[in-house]
């Protein structure tokens, strides 16, 4: 009897029958439990030789941990691809938190850089064949990557590039109309922006001293913090900064008996040292509102203020709803995504602040080593901590001049910029002083070394730093799982339900409506927001779906999606 003839269509379908990774792992697991090869072949409708081939590779299959969305592992997709995509997701989340603009071209460039770095550090991979087959970050890969991690909203790359200047000109007219309609003067208009600070970062040439091994060789992720700086357009009102650290109670606080309420900053902490909406709302109600109200009253100005913000994730569009009743005179407007780098006043101020921070840091280092027996290593290890850093931050912020604060508005509001006195110490003079202090400490530095140090605060995270951040996030996730035993989700929901009933009862029965409304709103903001945040974190998906909402019904997520800065 002649064998059954197989049609071309059936032959093609057979060739396409690839087994996903989960299925292969399932086969390996069952075989380890004692299931015979012939039984596995019958169950999965594969030949015995196919099952044997899978079992020969069982150690490799067990070791594979694919990136999200990957089901088929081919020869072209190696473990380096998996590691690269996982680190790229970490990098994207950091970019999202920072509110940075990320185009598809930037994503591809970063993917290639991470892949190349991993390839160099993987033993036995730098072969001629591997170099010839370098990861190209093709359009097909990018489309698949976006689909796997949940990025579904994009803007055409050409649209973003061509519309920036035109959009900036359009917004200048809109901003001028807002100023004219409300009659704002420079004293009443404020700008706020966040910046990351690696407060223990020192010049690379510190290693050129006798204590070559003493100084850190890279910016340590555990020594980072985020500052939110804010001032008005007239430059005579600097608001107390918001600072977000990794630790709620650093060891240096305990040894120095620090009282947080007396710090020159509003201290907050989370596992990423990033400003969240909760922290920003607290700063608005506890610092910005009271400070601005007092300033306006002392200067006999009308009780109205305008706060200009960018589109960072902490600056959601409904922020005005979270402002307490007594500060409702504050209005908030947002710079469009594609004009923020062009018109943001605080960018220039932050650059000057970091230069001044570096100068004061060098001064402190020089004084501690020049007039004592401390070595650089002893200074760095034992005599420079977060408490000293806070003093330096305060000195640097106070040293930012009125001229710097005012001239920063030249692009957005040129009418507000007037000639100021020339007493201001120019950035060039500050850098010369830093160089002089460096030479006094035996450092052979030039202007480019100082600029490199200042700019490193906003540099891209390296592959090693992304790995460290990934490990931190994994540890935080495990810690979060353990925390669920302390307070359950049902307990949080029950508590919030009781609170809502209590507030409703007080509003109906208490005669002092205004006073009780203020008190309950303050308690809600300071105490219950913490538990709402826990509840949100537990229900939040681990993917990057927060870049674009699954359902437009969720107003908060929708607002975030509209202003997410990922574009093609």
Protein backbone atom coordinates (compact mmCIF):
# COMPACT_ATOMS: atom_id res chain seq x y z
CA UNK A 1 0.00 0.00 0.00
CA UNK A 2 1.43 3.34 -1.03
CA UNK A 3 1.93 5.96 1.71
CA UNK A 4 -0.64 8.72 1.91
CA UNK A 5 0.34 11.67 -0.19
CA UNK A 6 0.73 14.86 1.81
CA UNK A 7 -0.51 18.03 0.14
CA UNK A 8 1.66 21.15 -0.06
CA UNK A 9 -0.73 22.95 2.29
CA UNK A 10 -0.53 20.19 4.92
CA UNK A 11 3.26 20.12 4.58
CA UNK A 12 3.43 23.90 5.09
CA UNK A 13 1.21 23.69 8.18
CA UNK A 14 3.43 20.99 9.67
CA UNK A 15 6.53 23.14 9.19
CA UNK A 16 4.85 26.00 11.01
CA UNK A 17 4.01 23.93 14.08
CA UNK A 18 6.54 25.49 16.46
CA UNK A 19 6.33 24.73 20.16
CA UNK A 20 6.16 27.64 22.56
CA UNK A 21 8.56 27.84 25.48
CA UNK A 22 5.84 27.14 28.07
CA UNK A 23 4.97 23.90 26.27
CA UNK A 24 8.58 22.79 26.19
CA UNK A 25 8.96 23.50 29.90
CA UNK A 26 5.79 21.52 30.55
CA UNK A 27 7.19 18.52 28.63
CA UNK A 28 10.49 18.67 30.54
CA UNK A 29 8.67 18.89 33.87
CA UNK A 30 6.45 15.89 33.09
CA UNK A 31 9.43 13.83 31.98
CA UNK A 32 11.22 14.66 35.22
CA UNK A 33 8.12 13.37 37.03
CA UNK A 34 8.45 10.00 35.26
CA UNK A 35 6.25 10.29 32.16
CA UNK A 36 7.71 8.23 29.29
CA UNK A 37 8.85 9.73 25.98
CA UNK A 38 6.33 7.69 24.00
CA UNK A 39 3.47 8.90 26.20
CA UNK A 40 4.61 12.52 25.85
CA UNK A 41 4.77 12.13 22.07
CA UNK A 42 1.22 10.78 22.00
CA UNK A 43 -0.12 13.51 24.35
CA UNK A 44 1.44 16.44 22.48
CA UNK A 45 1.04 14.91 19.00
CA UNK A 46 4.74 15.12 18.24
CA UNK A 47 7.21 12.49 17.13
CA UNK A 48 9.38 10.72 19.70
CA UNK A 49 12.48 12.25 18.11
CA UNK A 50 11.07 15.75 18.66
CA UNK A 51 10.41 14.99 22.33
CA UNK A 52 13.93 13.57 22.70
CA UNK A 53 15.43 16.69 21.12
CA UNK A 54 13.55 18.85 23.65
CA UNK A 55 14.71 16.69 26.55
CA UNK A 56 18.35 16.95 25.41
CA UNK A 57 18.01 20.72 25.77
CA UNK A 58 16.15 20.60 29.08
CA UNK A 59 18.85 22.40 31.10
CA UNK A 60 18.89 25.25 28.61
CA UNK A 61 15.08 25.38 28.52
CA UNK A 62 14.87 25.50 32.32
CA UNK A 63 17.39 28.36 32.42
CA UNK A 64 15.57 30.56 29.90
CA UNK A 65 13.61 33.45 31.40
CA UNK A 66 12.07 35.28 28.45
CA UNK A 67 11.07 38.91 28.35
CA UNK A 68 7.38 39.72 28.63
CA UNK A 69 5.30 38.53 25.68
CA UNK A 70 7.94 36.17 24.24
CA UNK A 71 6.62 32.64 23.65
CA UNK A 72 8.95 31.32 20.91
CA UNK A 73 12.72 31.31 21.47
CA UNK A 74 14.62 31.03 18.19
CA UNK A 75 18.33 30.87 17.40
CA UNK A 76 18.16 34.53 16.42
CA UNK A 77 16.75 35.48 19.84
CA UNK A 78 19.39 34.75 22.46
CA UNK A 79 19.54 35.27 26.21
CA UNK A 80 21.20 38.63 25.54
CA UNK A 81 18.04 39.75 23.72
CA UNK A 82 15.99 38.78 26.77
CA UNK A 83 18.25 40.67 29.18
CA UNK A 84 18.34 43.68 26.88
CA UNK A 85 14.53 43.96 26.70
CA UNK A 86 14.13 43.62 30.47
CA UNK A 87 16.66 46.39 31.09
CA UNK A 88 15.04 48.50 28.36
CA UNK A 89 11.71 48.26 30.20
CA UNK A 90 13.44 49.46 33.42
CA UNK A 91 14.91 52.38 31.47
CA UNK A 92 11.53 53.26 29.93
CA UNK A 93 9.87 53.32 33.35
CA UNK A 94 12.57 55.67 34.64
CA UNK A 95 12.03 57.92 31.63
CA UNK A 96 8.30 57.91 32.27
CA UNK A 97 8.78 58.88 35.91
CA UNK A 98 11.14 61.67 34.90
CA UNK A 99 8.62 62.96 32.35
CA UNK A 100 11.27 62.84 29.62
CA UNK A 101 10.40 62.82 25.95
CA UNK A 102 11.24 59.45 24.37
CA UNK A 103 10.94 58.89 20.63
CA UNK A 104 11.07 55.59 18.81
CA UNK A 105 14.51 56.51 17.50
CA UNK A 106 15.72 57.04 21.07
CA UNK A 107 14.26 53.68 22.15
CA UNK A 108 16.07 51.89 19.32
CA UNK A 109 19.33 53.69 20.05
CA UNK A 110 19.16 52.75 23.74
CA UNK A 111 18.28 49.14 22.86
CA UNK A 112 21.36 48.87 20.63
CA UNK A 113 23.56 50.41 23.33
CA UNK A 114 22.31 48.01 26.02
CA UNK A 115 22.70 45.03 23.68
CA UNK A 116 26.27 46.01 22.75
CA UNK A 117 27.20 46.47 26.42
CA UNK A 118 25.75 43.08 27.39
CA UNK A 119 27.48 41.42 24.43
CA UNK A 120 30.87 42.76 25.51
CA UNK A 121 30.42 41.51 29.07
CA UNK A 122 29.18 38.03 28.13
CA UNK A 123 32.06 35.50 27.91
CA UNK A 124 32.49 33.87 24.52
CA UNK A 125 30.10 36.14 22.62
CA UNK A 126 32.55 38.51 20.93
CA UNK A 127 33.13 36.28 17.92
CA UNK A 128 33.34 37.54 14.35
CA UNK A 129 29.96 35.92 13.68
CA UNK A 130 28.39 37.63 16.69
CA UNK A 131 29.78 41.01 15.70
CA UNK A 132 28.51 40.53 12.16
CA UNK A 133 25.04 39.70 13.48
CA UNK A 134 24.81 42.76 15.77
CA UNK A 135 21.34 43.63 17.00
CA UNK A 136 19.91 46.22 14.61
CA UNK A 137 16.74 47.25 16.50
CA UNK A 138 14.70 46.96 13.33
CA UNK A 139 11.21 48.28 12.77
CA UNK A 140 9.80 44.78 13.13
CA UNK A 141 11.52 44.28 16.49
CA UNK A 142 10.29 47.67 17.74
CA UNK A 143 6.67 46.95 16.75
CA UNK A 144 6.84 43.59 18.53
CA UNK A 145 8.46 45.11 21.61
CA UNK A 146 5.82 47.84 21.90
CA UNK A 147 3.07 45.25 21.57
CA UNK A 148 4.59 42.95 24.20
CA UNK A 149 5.03 45.62 26.88
CA UNK A 150 1.80 47.47 26.18
CA UNK A 151 2.85 50.69 24.44
CA UNK A 152 0.01 51.27 21.99
CA UNK A 153 -0.11 55.07 21.68
CA UNK A 154 2.46 56.78 19.48
CA UNK A 155 2.87 60.06 17.63
CA UNK A 156 4.59 60.27 14.29
CA UNK A 157 8.25 61.15 14.62
CA UNK A 158 8.13 63.73 11.87
CA UNK A 159 5.12 65.41 13.44
CA UNK A 160 6.97 65.89 16.73
CA UNK A 161 10.16 67.19 15.15
CA UNK A 162 8.49 69.64 12.78
CA UNK A 163 5.90 71.01 15.17
CA UNK A 164 8.07 71.94 18.15
CA UNK A 165 8.97 75.50 17.19
CA UNK A 166 5.57 76.18 15.63
CA UNK A 167 3.81 74.84 18.73
CA UNK A 168 6.07 76.96 20.94
CA UNK A 169 5.13 80.11 19.02
CA UNK A 170 1.44 79.21 19.32
CA UNK A 171 1.74 78.61 23.06
CA UNK A 172 3.49 81.94 23.60
CA UNK A 173 0.35 83.64 22.29
CA UNK A 174 -1.86 81.46 24.53
CA UNK A 175 0.28 82.23 27.57
CA UNK A 176 0.22 85.97 26.85
CA UNK A 177 -3.58 85.86 26.58
CA UNK A 178 -3.85 84.10 29.99
CA UNK A 179 -1.57 86.71 31.60
CA UNK A 180 -3.52 89.60 30.08
CA UNK A 181 -6.95 88.16 30.88
CA UNK A 182 -6.20 87.60 34.58
CA UNK A 183 -3.90 90.60 35.01
CA UNK A 184 -1.01 88.61 36.49
CA UNK A 185 2.22 90.41 37.39
CA UNK A 186 5.64 88.65 37.58
CA UNK A 187 5.39 88.35 41.38
CA UNK A 188 2.25 86.20 41.01
CA UNK A 189 3.51 83.75 38.37
CA UNK A 190 5.51 80.69 39.53
CA UNK A 191 7.27 77.82 37.81
CA UNK A 192 8.21 74.46 39.32
CA UNK A 193 10.23 71.56 37.95
CA UNK A 194 11.93 68.42 39.27
CA UNK A 195 15.52 67.34 38.82
CA UNK A 196 17.53 64.30 39.89
CA UNK A 197 20.69 64.83 41.93
CA UNK A 198 23.47 62.28 42.49
CA UNK A 199 24.70 64.00 45.61
CA UNK A 200 27.83 61.87 46.16
CA UNK A 201 29.11 62.17 42.61
CA UNK A 202 32.59 63.70 42.38
CA UNK A 203 34.91 64.29 39.41
CA UNK A 204 36.57 61.27 37.83
CA UNK A 205 39.93 62.95 38.37
CA UNK A 206 39.57 62.48 42.11
CA UNK A 207 41.09 59.08 41.26
CA UNK A 208 44.22 60.89 40.08
CA UNK A 209 45.13 61.75 43.69
CA UNK A 210 47.22 59.60 45.99
CA UNK A 211 44.06 57.89 47.23
CA UNK A 212 43.21 56.38 43.87
CA UNK A 213 41.02 53.65 45.30
CA UNK A 214 39.19 55.86 47.77
CA UNK A 215 36.76 57.75 45.57
CA UNK A 216 33.68 56.23 43.89
CA UNK A 217 34.11 55.33 40.25
CA UNK A 218 30.47 55.62 39.17
CA UNK A 219 27.37 57.48 40.25
CA UNK A 220 25.85 55.27 42.97
CA UNK A 221 22.14 54.72 42.49
CA UNK A 222 21.62 54.47 46.23
CA UNK A 223 22.90 58.06 46.58
CA UNK A 224 20.35 59.78 44.39
CA UNK A 225 17.49 62.09 45.27
CA UNK A 226 14.95 64.24 43.45
CA UNK A 227 14.42 67.94 44.06
CA UNK A 228 11.42 70.03 43.05
CA UNK A 229 12.50 73.68 42.79
CA UNK A 230 10.03 76.55 42.49
CA UNK A 231 10.26 80.35 42.26
CA UNK A 232 8.33 83.26 40.76
CA UNK A 233 9.09 85.26 37.62
CA UNK A 234 10.23 88.32 39.57
CA UNK A 235 12.85 86.19 41.34
CA UNK A 236 12.10 87.46 44.85
CA UNK A 237 10.13 84.44 46.11
CA UNK A 238 11.84 81.06 46.34
CA UNK A 239 9.54 78.35 47.66
CA UNK A 240 10.85 75.68 50.03
CA UNK A 241 11.92 72.75 47.80
CA UNK A 242 10.38 69.29 47.86
CA UNK A 243 13.02 66.56 48.26
CA UNK A 244 12.33 62.86 47.69
CA UNK A 245 14.92 60.42 49.04
CA UNK A 246 15.19 56.64 49.04
CA UNK A 247 15.04 56.43 52.83
CA UNK A 248 12.42 57.83 55.18
CA UNK A 249 14.88 57.97 58.08
CA UNK A 250 18.53 57.86 56.97
CA UNK A 251 21.09 56.81 59.56
CA UNK A 252 22.61 60.31 59.57
CA UNK A 253 19.26 61.74 60.75
CA UNK A 254 19.35 59.64 63.90
CA UNK A 255 22.97 60.41 64.76
CA UNK A 256 22.40 64.16 64.24
CA UNK A 257 18.97 64.31 65.95
CA UNK A 258 17.35 65.77 62.84
CA UNK A 259 13.78 67.07 63.09
CA UNK A 260 12.27 66.80 59.61
CA UNK A 261 9.88 69.73 60.06
CA UNK A 262 12.88 72.01 60.56
CA UNK A 263 14.73 70.93 57.43
CA UNK A 264 15.23 73.48 54.61
CA UNK A 265 13.26 71.10 52.36
CA UNK A 266 10.01 69.17 52.60
CA UNK A 267 11.31 65.60 53.13
CA UNK A 268 9.58 62.65 51.51
CA UNK A 269 10.79 59.16 50.58
CA UNK A 270 9.92 56.24 48.34
CA UNK A 271 11.69 53.27 46.77
CA UNK A 272 12.65 55.16 43.62
CA UNK A 273 13.35 58.62 45.01
CA UNK A 274 10.83 60.11 42.54
CA UNK A 275 8.17 62.77 43.02
CA UNK A 276 4.69 61.22 42.99
CA UNK A 277 1.33 62.93 42.70
CA UNK A 278 0.74 62.29 46.41
CA UNK A 279 3.98 64.05 47.36
CA UNK A 280 3.35 66.92 44.97
CA UNK A 281 -0.17 67.52 46.30
CA UNK A 282 1.16 67.51 49.86
CA UNK A 283 3.80 70.05 48.85
CA UNK A 284 1.15 72.22 47.19
CA UNK A 285 -1.04 72.32 50.31
CA UNK A 286 1.59 72.36 53.05
CA UNK A 287 4.36 74.46 51.49
CA UNK A 288 3.52 76.20 48.22
CA UNK A 289 0.05 77.43 49.20
CA UNK A 290 0.99 78.88 52.61
CA UNK A 291 4.27 80.40 51.35
CA UNK A 292 2.68 82.08 48.33
CA UNK A 293 -0.28 83.36 50.35
CA UNK A 294 2.04 84.89 52.96
CA UNK A 295 4.26 86.42 50.25
CA UNK A 296 1.34 88.02 48.39
CA UNK A 297 -0.15 89.46 51.60
CA UNK A 298 3.19 90.87 52.78
CA UNK A 299 3.70 92.59 49.42
CA UNK A 300 0.12 93.93 49.22
CA UNK A 301 -0.59 91.98 46.06
CA UNK A 302 -3.93 90.60 44.91
CA UNK A 303 -4.58 87.08 46.23
CA UNK A 304 -4.12 85.28 42.92
CA UNK A 305 -1.27 83.12 41.66
CA UNK A 306 -0.43 81.12 38.55
CA UNK A 307 1.70 77.96 38.68
CA UNK A 308 3.28 76.81 35.38
CA UNK A 309 4.12 73.09 35.22
CA UNK A 310 5.42 70.63 32.66
CA UNK A 311 3.78 67.28 31.94
CA UNK A 312 5.62 65.03 34.41
CA UNK A 313 3.53 62.10 35.72
CA UNK A 314 3.20 63.79 39.13
CA UNK A 315 1.54 66.82 37.46
CA UNK A 316 -1.82 65.34 36.53
CA UNK A 317 -4.40 67.71 34.99
CA UNK A 318 -6.77 67.55 37.97
CA UNK A 319 -4.28 68.95 40.51
CA UNK A 320 -6.42 72.02 41.15
CA UNK A 321 -9.13 69.75 42.55
CA UNK A 322 -6.69 68.58 45.23
CA UNK A 323 -5.82 72.09 46.42
CA UNK A 324 -7.37 73.01 49.76
CA UNK A 325 -10.18 75.56 49.79
CA UNK A 326 -8.07 78.35 51.32
CA UNK A 327 -5.58 78.07 48.43
CA UNK A 328 -8.09 77.99 45.58
CA UNK A 329 -6.65 81.32 44.41
CA UNK A 330 -3.87 79.24 42.81
CA UNK A 331 -4.42 78.37 39.16
CA UNK A 332 -2.34 75.74 37.34
CA UNK A 333 -1.49 75.63 33.65
CA UNK A 334 0.64 73.10 31.76
CA UNK A 335 3.25 73.49 29.07
CA UNK A 336 2.49 71.30 26.04
CA UNK A 337 4.67 68.20 25.77
CA UNK A 338 6.62 69.22 22.70
CA UNK A 339 7.43 72.78 23.86
CA UNK A 340 8.61 72.04 27.40
CA UNK A 341 12.33 71.76 26.45
CA UNK A 342 12.05 75.08 24.62
CA UNK A 343 10.03 77.19 27.06
CA UNK A 344 10.53 75.67 30.54
CA UNK A 345 12.02 78.51 32.68
CA UNK A 346 13.24 76.25 35.49
CA UNK A 347 15.62 74.35 33.18
CA UNK A 348 18.06 77.25 33.21
CA UNK A 349 17.62 77.76 36.95
CA UNK A 350 18.32 74.09 37.69
CA UNK A 351 21.52 74.22 35.65
CA UNK A 352 22.71 77.19 37.68
CA UNK A 353 21.67 75.53 40.93
CA UNK A 354 23.73 72.40 40.15
CA UNK A 355 26.76 74.54 39.38
CA UNK A 356 26.39 76.30 42.75
CA UNK A 357 25.83 72.95 44.49
CA UNK A 358 29.13 71.69 43.04
CA UNK A 359 30.94 74.84 44.20
CA UNK A 360 29.70 74.50 47.78
CA UNK A 361 30.53 70.78 47.77
CA UNK A 362 34.11 71.54 46.70
CA UNK A 363 34.38 74.24 49.35
CA UNK A 364 33.25 71.84 52.04
CA UNK A 365 35.62 69.12 50.84
CA UNK A 366 38.55 71.58 50.74
CA UNK A 367 37.84 72.94 54.22
CA UNK A 368 37.46 69.50 55.76
CA UNK A 369 40.74 68.24 54.31
CA UNK A 370 42.80 71.45 54.45
CA UNK A 371 42.22 72.44 58.05
CA UNK A 372 41.99 68.98 59.58
CA UNK A 373 43.90 65.73 59.41
CA UNK A 374 41.15 64.07 57.40
CA UNK A 375 42.11 62.40 54.16
CA UNK A 376 39.81 62.50 51.14
CA UNK A 377 38.76 58.97 51.90
CA UNK A 378 37.88 59.81 55.51
CA UNK A 379 35.98 62.88 54.38
CA UNK A 380 33.99 60.94 51.81
CA UNK A 381 33.24 57.97 54.04
CA UNK A 382 32.67 59.56 57.43
CA UNK A 383 32.13 63.31 57.02
CA UNK A 384 29.89 63.73 53.99
CA UNK A 385 26.38 62.45 54.52
CA UNK A 386 22.83 63.44 53.63
CA UNK A 387 22.70 65.97 56.49
CA UNK A 388 25.71 67.83 55.06
CA UNK A 389 24.16 67.49 51.60
CA UNK A 390 20.96 69.20 52.79
CA UNK A 391 22.99 72.15 54.08
CA UNK A 392 24.76 72.40 50.73
CA UNK A 393 21.43 72.20 48.86
CA UNK A 394 20.08 75.03 51.00
CA UNK A 395 23.18 77.19 50.43
CA UNK A 396 23.08 76.55 46.69
CA UNK A 397 19.35 77.35 46.44
CA UNK A 398 19.77 80.56 48.44
CA UNK A 399 22.72 81.51 46.22
CA UNK A 400 20.61 81.35 43.04
CA UNK A 401 20.26 85.04 42.24
CA UNK A 402 17.26 87.14 41.31
CA UNK A 403 18.89 87.81 37.95
CA UNK A 404 19.12 84.06 37.21
CA UNK A 405 15.51 83.45 38.23
CA UNK A 406 14.19 86.38 36.21
CA UNK A 407 16.21 85.88 33.02
CA UNK A 408 15.02 82.25 32.86
CA UNK A 409 11.59 83.58 31.78
CA UNK A 410 12.96 85.32 28.69
CA UNK A 411 11.68 82.67 26.27
CA UNK A 412 8.23 82.14 27.83
CA UNK A 413 7.47 85.65 29.10
CA UNK A 414 9.98 88.20 27.75
CA UNK A 415 7.89 91.12 29.07
CA UNK A 416 8.62 89.97 32.63
CA UNK A 417 12.39 90.22 32.17
CA UNK A 418 13.86 93.60 33.01
CA UNK A 419 17.42 94.80 33.52
CA UNK A 420 18.77 93.77 36.89
CA UNK A 421 21.87 94.74 38.81
CA UNK A 422 25.12 93.16 37.65
CA UNK A 423 26.28 91.93 41.05
CA UNK A 424 25.39 88.39 40.05
CA UNK A 425 28.25 85.91 39.98
CA UNK A 426 28.25 84.53 36.44
CA UNK A 427 28.44 80.74 35.86
CA UNK A 428 31.91 81.17 34.37
CA UNK A 429 33.14 82.74 37.60
CA UNK A 430 31.61 79.93 39.65
CA UNK A 431 33.37 77.31 37.51
CA UNK A 432 36.67 79.18 37.90
CA UNK A 433 36.25 79.06 41.67
CA UNK A 434 35.54 75.30 41.50
CA UNK A 435 38.69 74.81 39.41
CA UNK A 436 40.73 76.83 41.88
CA UNK A 437 39.46 74.74 44.80
CA UNK A 438 40.16 71.57 42.83
CA UNK A 439 43.74 72.58 42.13
CA UNK A 440 44.20 73.39 45.83
CA UNK A 441 43.23 69.77 46.51
CA UNK A 442 45.73 68.49 43.97
CA UNK A 443 43.26 67.83 41.15
CA UNK A 444 44.30 68.55 37.58
CA UNK A 445 40.94 69.62 36.14
CA UNK A 446 39.64 71.89 33.39
CA UNK A 447 36.30 73.44 32.44
CA UNK A 448 35.14 70.34 30.58
CA UNK A 449 35.70 68.18 33.68
CA UNK A 450 33.44 70.44 35.76
CA UNK A 451 30.77 70.63 33.05
CA UNK A 452 30.90 66.84 32.74
CA UNK A 453 30.36 66.49 36.49
CA UNK A 454 27.42 68.91 36.50
CA UNK A 455 25.80 67.33 33.45
CA UNK A 456 26.24 63.78 34.78
CA UNK A 457 23.27 64.36 37.10
CA UNK A 458 21.01 64.04 34.06
CA UNK A 459 23.05 61.52 32.06
CA UNK A 460 21.58 58.30 30.72
CA UNK A 461 21.70 55.34 33.07
CA UNK A 462 24.36 52.84 32.02
CA UNK A 463 23.68 49.13 31.54
CA UNK A 464 25.27 48.34 34.91
CA UNK A 465 23.13 50.97 36.62
CA UNK A 466 20.01 49.58 34.95
CA UNK A 467 20.93 46.12 36.28
CA UNK A 468 21.33 47.55 39.76
CA UNK A 469 18.00 49.34 39.48
CA UNK A 470 16.34 46.14 38.25
CA UNK A 471 17.65 44.27 41.31
CA UNK A 472 16.40 47.05 43.58
CA UNK A 473 12.95 46.89 42.02
CA UNK A 474 12.86 43.10 42.39
CA UNK A 475 13.83 43.40 46.05
CA UNK A 476 11.14 46.06 46.54
CA UNK A 477 8.57 43.77 44.90
CA UNK A 478 9.45 40.92 47.27
CA UNK A 479 9.28 43.33 50.18
CA UNK A 480 5.87 44.54 48.98
CA UNK A 481 4.61 40.95 48.88
CA UNK A 482 5.72 40.54 52.46
CA UNK A 483 4.05 43.78 53.47
CA UNK A 484 0.64 42.47 52.42
CA UNK A 485 0.60 40.39 55.61
CA UNK A 486 0.80 43.57 57.71
CA UNK A 487 -2.34 45.16 56.32
CA UNK A 488 -4.66 43.43 53.89
CA UNK A 489 -6.43 44.97 50.92
CA UNK A 490 -9.82 44.27 52.51
CA UNK A 491 -8.75 46.12 55.67
CA UNK A 492 -7.74 49.17 53.64
CA UNK A 493 -11.02 49.17 51.73
CA UNK A 494 -12.98 48.79 54.98
CA UNK A 495 -11.08 51.67 56.60
CA UNK A 496 -11.62 53.98 53.61
CA UNK A 497 -15.31 53.10 53.58
CA UNK A 498 -15.63 54.00 57.27
CA UNK A 499 -13.82 57.28 56.62
CA UNK A 500 -16.22 58.23 53.83
CA UNK A 501 -19.19 57.58 56.13
CA UNK A 502 -17.58 59.63 58.90
CA UNK A 503 -16.90 62.59 56.61
CA UNK A 504 -20.46 62.47 55.31
CA UNK A 505 -21.84 62.42 58.87
CA UNK A 506 -19.65 65.37 59.97
CA UNK A 507 -20.61 67.46 56.96
CA UNK A 508 -24.30 66.92 57.67
CA UNK A 509 -24.26 67.41 61.45
CA UNK A 510 -21.44 69.85 62.27
CA UNK A 511 -22.35 73.58 62.19
CA UNK A 512 -18.83 74.78 61.24
CA UNK A 513 -18.81 73.62 57.63
CA UNK A 514 -15.69 75.52 56.49
CA UNK A 515 -13.53 74.53 59.47
CA UNK A 516 -14.50 70.87 59.38
CA UNK A 517 -14.08 70.76 55.61
CA UNK A 518 -10.54 72.07 55.92
CA UNK A 519 -9.69 69.64 58.73
CA UNK A 520 -11.06 66.54 56.99
CA UNK A 521 -9.37 67.45 53.69
CA UNK A 522 -6.03 67.92 55.45
CA UNK A 523 -6.34 64.60 57.30
CA UNK A 524 -7.32 62.85 54.09
CA UNK A 525 -4.31 64.30 52.25
CA UNK A 526 -1.75 63.60 54.99
CA UNK A 527 -2.93 60.21 56.26
CA UNK A 528 -5.26 58.34 53.97
CA UNK A 529 -3.45 59.05 50.71
CA UNK A 530 -0.77 56.62 51.91
CA UNK A 531 -3.26 53.76 52.08
CA UNK A 532 -4.86 54.69 48.76
CA UNK A 533 -1.40 54.55 47.23
CA UNK A 534 -0.84 51.04 48.64
CA UNK A 535 -4.20 49.95 47.22
CA UNK A 536 -3.35 51.37 43.81
CA UNK A 537 0.09 49.72 43.78
CA UNK A 538 -1.42 46.31 44.54
CA UNK A 539 -3.90 46.54 41.69
CA UNK A 540 -1.52 48.09 39.19
CA UNK A 541 -0.31 45.89 36.35
CA UNK A 542 3.39 45.16 36.14
CA UNK A 543 3.55 46.03 32.44
CA UNK A 544 3.90 49.45 30.92
CA UNK A 545 0.16 49.68 30.26
CA UNK A 546 0.23 52.89 32.28
CA UNK A 547 1.65 54.58 29.18
CA UNK A 548 -1.79 54.12 27.61
CA UNK A 549 -5.00 53.15 29.45
CA UNK A 550 -6.96 50.04 28.61
CA UNK A 551 -10.20 51.85 29.40
CA UNK A 552 -10.97 55.54 28.97
CA UNK A 553 -13.26 55.30 31.96
CA UNK A 554 -10.29 55.65 34.29
CA UNK A 555 -9.87 59.39 34.26
CA UNK A 556 -6.54 59.47 36.07
CA UNK A 557 -4.89 56.95 33.78
CA UNK A 558 -6.45 58.60 30.73
CA UNK A 559 -5.02 61.94 31.73
CA UNK A 560 -1.61 60.37 32.16
CA UNK A 561 -1.82 58.68 28.77
CA UNK A 562 -2.68 61.91 27.02
CA UNK A 563 0.49 63.46 28.32
CA UNK A 564 2.83 60.48 28.09
CA UNK A 565 5.98 61.50 26.30
CA UNK A 566 6.66 58.45 24.16
CA UNK A 567 6.48 59.17 20.47
CA UNK A 568 7.63 57.65 17.28
